[in-house]
Amino acid sequence: MGQVASTRRAFLTGSVLRENSSYYPPGVTDESVRNCSGCGDCVDACPTKIISLRDRVPTVDFQVGECTFCGECSARCPERVFPPEPAISFAHHAVIAGTCLALNFVDCQACRDACPTTAIRFKPRLGGPFVPVLDTDPCTGCGACISVCPAQSISMTTNRMEVAHA
């Protein structure tokens, strides 16, 4: 019973999703990662140390820091795992959960201060601190906002392709 309650609580707070989600380095896809030998050259090359190997597959941990899209991981990779040109964004964007301190009347703007593309802005709220507003267009999915969030209220979600109607 305790395990079920703990699992349910983790699910409702989103911690299960954070613990189980893993992201490839920028530009790496499910298809291209099959070419990976697990040598770890991309891990050694990453200046922010966010890349690690999980089951011999490169993954990114945004709890450690952000991706600067420097391309070092791609340049050092001996296989065809990364695209020919370094990626400038991920295929995901940030999402701010309801556990955000600012949404709960505690003044915090750490994510805004860390965001290199100003995708997170804060708008005034009557009777309380400013609240975050995320613009997904400039969000590159770099993860800079994740490691600085004191409430661990930011996660990533896959970018959705909009279907054009003719």
C-alpha atoms as a PDB file:
ATOM      1  CA  MET A   1       0.000   0.000   0.000  1.00  0.00           C
ATOM      2  CA  GLY A   2       2.820   2.431   0.846  1.00  0.00           C
ATOM      3  CA  GLN A   3       4.450   1.755  -2.510  1.00  0.00           C
ATOM      4  CA  VAL A   4       1.212   2.462  -4.368  1.00  0.00           C
ATOM      5  CA  ALA A   5       0.634   5.712  -2.469  1.00  0.00           C
ATOM      6  CA  SER A   6       4.237   6.748  -3.063  1.00  0.00           C
ATOM      7  CA  THR A   7       3.979   5.946  -6.757  1.00  0.00           C
ATOM      8  CA  ARG A   8       0.676   7.796  -7.073  1.00  0.00           C
ATOM      9  CA  ARG A   9       2.132  10.844  -5.295  1.00  0.00           C
ATOM     10  CA  ALA A  10       5.213  10.772  -7.533  1.00  0.00           C
ATOM     11  CA  PHE A  11       3.003  10.520 -10.603  1.00  0.00           C
ATOM     12  CA  LEU A  12       0.780  13.414  -9.546  1.00  0.00           C
ATOM     13  CA  THR A  13       3.728  15.653  -8.723  1.00  0.00           C
ATOM     14  CA  GLY A  14       5.492  14.737 -11.948  1.00  0.00           C
ATOM     15  CA  SER A  15       8.596  13.327 -10.277  1.00  0.00           C
ATOM     16  CA  VAL A  16       8.119   9.952 -11.973  1.00  0.00           C
ATOM     17  CA  LEU A  17       8.285  11.654 -15.347  1.00  0.00           C
ATOM     18  CA  ARG A  18      11.435  13.561 -14.412  1.00  0.00           C
ATOM     19  CA  GLU A  19      13.194  10.496 -13.049  1.00  0.00           C
ATOM     20  CA  ASN A  20      12.371   8.264 -15.998  1.00  0.00           C
ATOM     21  CA  SER A  21      12.752  10.718 -18.830  1.00  0.00           C
ATOM     22  CA  SER A  22      15.987  10.890 -20.690  1.00  0.00           C
ATOM     23  CA  TYR A  23      16.944  13.089 -23.560  1.00  0.00           C
ATOM     24  CA  TYR A  24      19.495  12.520 -26.266  1.00  0.00           C
ATOM     25  CA  PRO A  25      22.114  15.184 -26.966  1.00  0.00           C
ATOM     26  CA  PRO A  26      21.022  17.821 -29.510  1.00  0.00           C
ATOM     27  CA  GLY A  27      20.324  16.437 -32.974  1.00  0.00           C
ATOM     28  CA  VAL A  28      20.451  12.779 -31.919  1.00  0.00           C
ATOM     29  CA  THR A  29      17.387  10.738 -32.837  1.00  0.00           C
ATOM     30  CA  ASP A  30      16.085   7.266 -32.018  1.00  0.00           C
ATOM     31  CA  GLU A  31      17.331   6.185 -35.435  1.00  0.00           C
ATOM     32  CA  SER A  32      20.785   7.802 -35.319  1.00  0.00           C
ATOM     33  CA  VAL A  33      21.544   6.616 -31.773  1.00  0.00           C
ATOM     34  CA  ARG A  34      21.592   3.059 -33.148  1.00  0.00           C
ATOM     35  CA  ASN A  35      24.971   3.976 -34.677  1.00  0.00           C
ATOM     36  CA  CYS A  36      26.393   4.720 -31.210  1.00  0.00           C
ATOM     37  CA  SER A  37      29.112   2.365 -29.949  1.00  0.00           C
ATOM     38  CA  GLY A  38      29.009   3.852 -26.453  1.00  0.00           C
ATOM     39  CA  CYS A  39      32.608   5.067 -26.643  1.00  0.00           C
ATOM     40  CA  GLY A  40      31.891   8.109 -24.446  1.00  0.00           C
ATOM     41  CA  ASP A  41      33.771  10.659 -26.565  1.00  0.00           C
ATOM     42  CA  CYS A  42      30.709  12.944 -26.488  1.00  0.00           C
ATOM     43  CA  VAL A  43      30.649  12.684 -22.682  1.00  0.00           C
ATOM     44  CA  ASP A  44      34.277  13.780 -22.441  1.00  0.00           C
ATOM     45  CA  ALA A  45      33.750  16.599 -24.938  1.00  0.00           C
ATOM     46  CA  CYS A  46      30.743  18.222 -23.241  1.00  0.00           C
ATOM     47  CA  PRO A  47      31.932  21.430 -21.508  1.00  0.00           C
ATOM     48  CA  THR A  48      28.858  21.618 -19.265  1.00  0.00           C
ATOM     49  CA  LYS A  49      29.107  17.910 -18.314  1.00  0.00           C
ATOM     50  CA  ILE A  50      25.419  17.234 -18.937  1.00  0.00           C
ATOM     51  CA  ILE A  51      26.002  14.230 -21.217  1.00  0.00           C
ATOM     52  CA  SER A  52      26.407  10.789 -19.700  1.00  0.00           C
ATOM     53  CA  LEU A  53      26.047   7.241 -20.951  1.00  0.00           C
ATOM     54  CA  ARG A  54      22.995   5.293 -19.836  1.00  0.00           C
ATOM     55  CA  ASP A  55      23.138   1.693 -21.041  1.00  0.00           C
ATOM     56  CA  ARG A  56      25.877   2.773 -23.498  1.00  0.00           C
ATOM     57  CA  VAL A  57      23.592   5.438 -24.998  1.00  0.00           C
ATOM     58  CA  PRO A  58      24.336   9.177 -24.659  1.00  0.00           C
ATOM     59  CA  THR A  59      21.722  11.026 -22.619  1.00  0.00           C
ATOM     60  CA  VAL A  60      21.439  14.560 -21.308  1.00  0.00           C
ATOM     61  CA  ASP A  61      20.727  15.399 -17.656  1.00  0.00           C
ATOM     62  CA  PHE A  62      19.356  18.918 -17.323  1.00  0.00           C
ATOM     63  CA  GLN A  63      19.516  18.700 -13.523  1.00  0.00           C
ATOM     64  CA  VAL A  64      23.286  19.102 -13.960  1.00  0.00           C
ATOM     65  CA  GLY A  65      23.143  22.128 -16.240  1.00  0.00           C
ATOM     66  CA  GLU A  66      22.259  23.398 -19.687  1.00  0.00           C
ATOM     67  CA  CYS A  67      23.213  22.635 -23.264  1.00  0.00           C
ATOM     68  CA  THR A  68      24.986  25.541 -24.943  1.00  0.00           C
ATOM     69  CA  PHE A  69      24.773  23.946 -28.417  1.00  0.00           C
ATOM     70  CA  CYS A  70      28.526  24.302 -28.762  1.00  0.00           C
ATOM     71  CA  GLY A  71      28.739  21.239 -31.030  1.00  0.00           C
ATOM     72  CA  GLU A  72      31.677  19.676 -29.178  1.00  0.00           C
ATOM     73  CA  CYS A  73      29.792  16.395 -28.658  1.00  0.00           C
ATOM     74  CA  SER A  74      29.059  16.190 -32.373  1.00  0.00           C
ATOM     75  CA  ALA A  75      32.605  17.090 -33.372  1.00  0.00           C
ATOM     76  CA  ARG A  76      34.149  14.383 -31.175  1.00  0.00           C
ATOM     77  CA  CYS A  77      31.746  11.577 -32.144  1.00  0.00           C
ATOM     78  CA  PRO A  78      33.489   8.941 -34.311  1.00  0.00           C
ATOM     79  CA  GLU A  79      30.172   7.434 -35.482  1.00  0.00           C
ATOM     80  CA  ARG A  80      27.253   8.912 -37.403  1.00  0.00           C
ATOM     81  CA  VAL A  81      25.138   9.631 -34.321  1.00  0.00           C
ATOM     82  CA  PHE A  82      24.939  13.417 -34.609  1.00  0.00           C
ATOM     83  CA  PRO A  83      23.731  15.416 -37.627  1.00  0.00           C
ATOM     84  CA  PRO A  84      26.384  16.842 -39.984  1.00  0.00           C
ATOM     85  CA  GLU A  85      25.687  20.387 -38.771  1.00  0.00           C
ATOM     86  CA  PRO A  86      25.459  20.991 -35.007  1.00  0.00           C
ATOM     87  CA  ALA A  87      21.871  21.301 -33.774  1.00  0.00           C
ATOM     88  CA  ILE A  88      20.697  24.639 -32.409  1.00  0.00           C
ATOM     89  CA  SER A  89      17.689  23.306 -30.516  1.00  0.00           C
ATOM     90  CA  PHE A  90      16.115  20.161 -29.137  1.00  0.00           C
ATOM     91  CA  ALA A  91      12.847  18.564 -30.261  1.00  0.00           C
ATOM     92  CA  HIS A  92      11.285  19.508 -26.921  1.00  0.00           C
ATOM     93  CA  HIS A  93      10.480  22.646 -24.940  1.00  0.00           C
ATOM     94  CA  ALA A  94      10.066  23.573 -21.302  1.00  0.00           C
ATOM     95  CA  VAL A  95       6.830  23.235 -19.346  1.00  0.00           C
ATOM     96  CA  ILE A  96       6.188  24.954 -16.011  1.00  0.00           C
ATOM     97  CA  ALA A  97       4.165  22.914 -13.519  1.00  0.00           C
ATOM     98  CA  GLY A  98       1.659  24.185 -10.983  1.00  0.00           C
ATOM     99  CA  THR A  99       4.206  23.603  -8.215  1.00  0.00           C
ATOM    100  CA  CYS A 100       6.143  26.666  -9.438  1.00  0.00           C
ATOM    101  CA  LEU A 101       6.873  28.962  -6.495  1.00  0.00           C
ATOM    102  CA  ALA A 102       5.707  32.081  -8.341  1.00  0.00           C
ATOM    103  CA  LEU A 103       2.387  30.417  -9.164  1.00  0.00           C
ATOM    104  CA  ASN A 104       2.034  29.716  -5.434  1.00  0.00           C
ATOM    105  CA  PHE A 105       2.610  33.326  -4.320  1.00  0.00           C
ATOM    106  CA  VAL A 106       6.344  33.028  -3.590  1.00  0.00           C
ATOM    107  CA  ASP A 107       8.521  35.512  -5.442  1.00  0.00           C
ATOM    108  CA  CYS A 108      10.928  33.596  -7.701  1.00  0.00           C
ATOM    109  CA  GLN A 109      12.198  34.320 -11.193  1.00  0.00           C
ATOM    110  CA  ALA A 110      15.222  32.020 -11.327  1.00  0.00           C
ATOM    111  CA  CYS A 111      14.110  30.392 -14.574  1.00  0.00           C
ATOM    112  CA  ARG A 112      13.720  33.745 -16.307  1.00  0.00           C
ATOM    113  CA  ASP A 113      17.166  34.828 -15.222  1.00  0.00           C
ATOM    114  CA  ALA A 114      18.726  31.599 -16.537  1.00  0.00           C
ATOM    115  CA  CYS A 115      16.910  31.442 -19.888  1.00  0.00           C
ATOM    116  CA  PRO A 116      19.340  32.419 -22.671  1.00  0.00           C
ATOM    117  CA  THR A 117      16.554  33.082 -25.216  1.00  0.00           C
ATOM    118  CA  THR A 118      14.142  34.947 -22.898  1.00  0.00           C
ATOM    119  CA  ALA A 119      11.495  32.309 -23.618  1.00  0.00           C
ATOM    120  CA  ILE A 120      10.347  32.653 -20.009  1.00  0.00           C
ATOM    121  CA  ARG A 121       8.927  36.013 -19.040  1.00  0.00           C
ATOM    122  CA  PHE A 122       6.980  37.119 -15.999  1.00  0.00           C
ATOM    123  CA  LYS A 123       3.737  39.053 -16.096  1.00  0.00           C
ATOM    124  CA  PRO A 124       2.246  41.054 -13.229  1.00  0.00           C
ATOM    125  CA  ARG A 125      -0.477  39.568 -11.064  1.00  0.00           C
ATOM    126  CA  LEU A 126      -2.772  41.587  -8.853  1.00  0.00           C
ATOM    127  CA  GLY A 127      -2.027  40.906  -5.189  1.00  0.00           C
ATOM    128  CA  GLY A 128       0.973  38.666  -5.699  1.00  0.00           C
ATOM    129  CA  PRO A 129       4.325  38.132  -7.343  1.00  0.00           C
ATOM    130  CA  PHE A 130       4.709  38.065 -11.097  1.00  0.00           C
ATOM    131  CA  VAL A 131       3.823  34.746 -12.783  1.00  0.00           C
ATOM    132  CA  PRO A 132       5.809  32.900 -15.457  1.00  0.00           C
ATOM    133  CA  VAL A 133       4.716  32.784 -19.068  1.00  0.00           C
ATOM    134  CA  LEU A 134       6.583  30.477 -21.423  1.00  0.00           C
ATOM    135  CA  ASP A 135       6.814  31.239 -25.134  1.00  0.00           C
ATOM    136  CA  THR A 136       7.562  27.919 -26.821  1.00  0.00           C
ATOM    137  CA  ASP A 137       8.754  29.490 -30.086  1.00  0.00           C
ATOM    138  CA  PRO A 138      12.080  30.847 -28.786  1.00  0.00           C
ATOM    139  CA  CYS A 139      12.523  27.937 -26.316  1.00  0.00           C
ATOM    140  CA  THR A 140      15.390  25.770 -27.572  1.00  0.00           C
ATOM    141  CA  GLY A 141      14.929  23.110 -24.892  1.00  0.00           C
ATOM    142  CA  CYS A 142      18.442  23.796 -23.582  1.00  0.00           C
ATOM    143  CA  GLY A 143      17.450  23.012 -19.986  1.00  0.00           C
ATOM    144  CA  ALA A 144      18.974  26.116 -18.398  1.00  0.00           C
ATOM    145  CA  CYS A 145      15.750  26.678 -16.472  1.00  0.00           C
ATOM    146  CA  ILE A 146      15.580  23.163 -15.023  1.00  0.00           C
ATOM    147  CA  SER A 147      18.711  23.077 -12.881  1.00  0.00           C
ATOM    148  CA  VAL A 148      18.029  26.504 -11.323  1.00  0.00           C
ATOM    149  CA  CYS A 149      14.398  25.877 -10.358  1.00  0.00           C
ATOM    150  CA  PRO A 150      14.281  25.514  -6.558  1.00  0.00           C
ATOM    151  CA  ALA A 151      10.907  23.729  -6.708  1.00  0.00           C
ATOM    152  CA  GLN A 152      11.865  21.384  -9.568  1.00  0.00           C
ATOM    153  CA  SER A 153       8.752  22.598 -11.361  1.00  0.00           C
ATOM    154  CA  ILE A 154      10.120  22.643 -14.881  1.00  0.00           C
ATOM    155  CA  SER A 155      10.235  19.671 -17.202  1.00  0.00           C
ATOM    156  CA  MET A 156      10.356  19.134 -20.938  1.00  0.00           C
ATOM    157  CA  THR A 157       7.703  18.003 -23.381  1.00  0.00           C
ATOM    158  CA  THR A 158       8.005  16.992 -27.000  1.00  0.00           C
ATOM    159  CA  ASN A 159       7.381  19.685 -29.574  1.00  0.00           C
ATOM    160  CA  ARG A 160       4.186  18.991 -31.438  1.00  0.00           C
ATOM    161  CA  MET A 161       3.992  19.493 -35.160  1.00  0.00           C
ATOM    162  CA  GLU A 162       0.897  21.450 -36.096  1.00  0.00           C
ATOM    163  CA  VAL A 163      -1.074  20.078 -38.981  1.00  0.00           C
ATOM    164  CA  ALA A 164      -1.979  22.600 -41.639  1.00  0.00           C
ATOM    165  CA  HIS A 165      -5.510  22.367 -42.939  1.00  0.00           C
ATOM    166  CA  ALA A 166      -5.952  22.980 -46.634  1.00  0.00           C
END
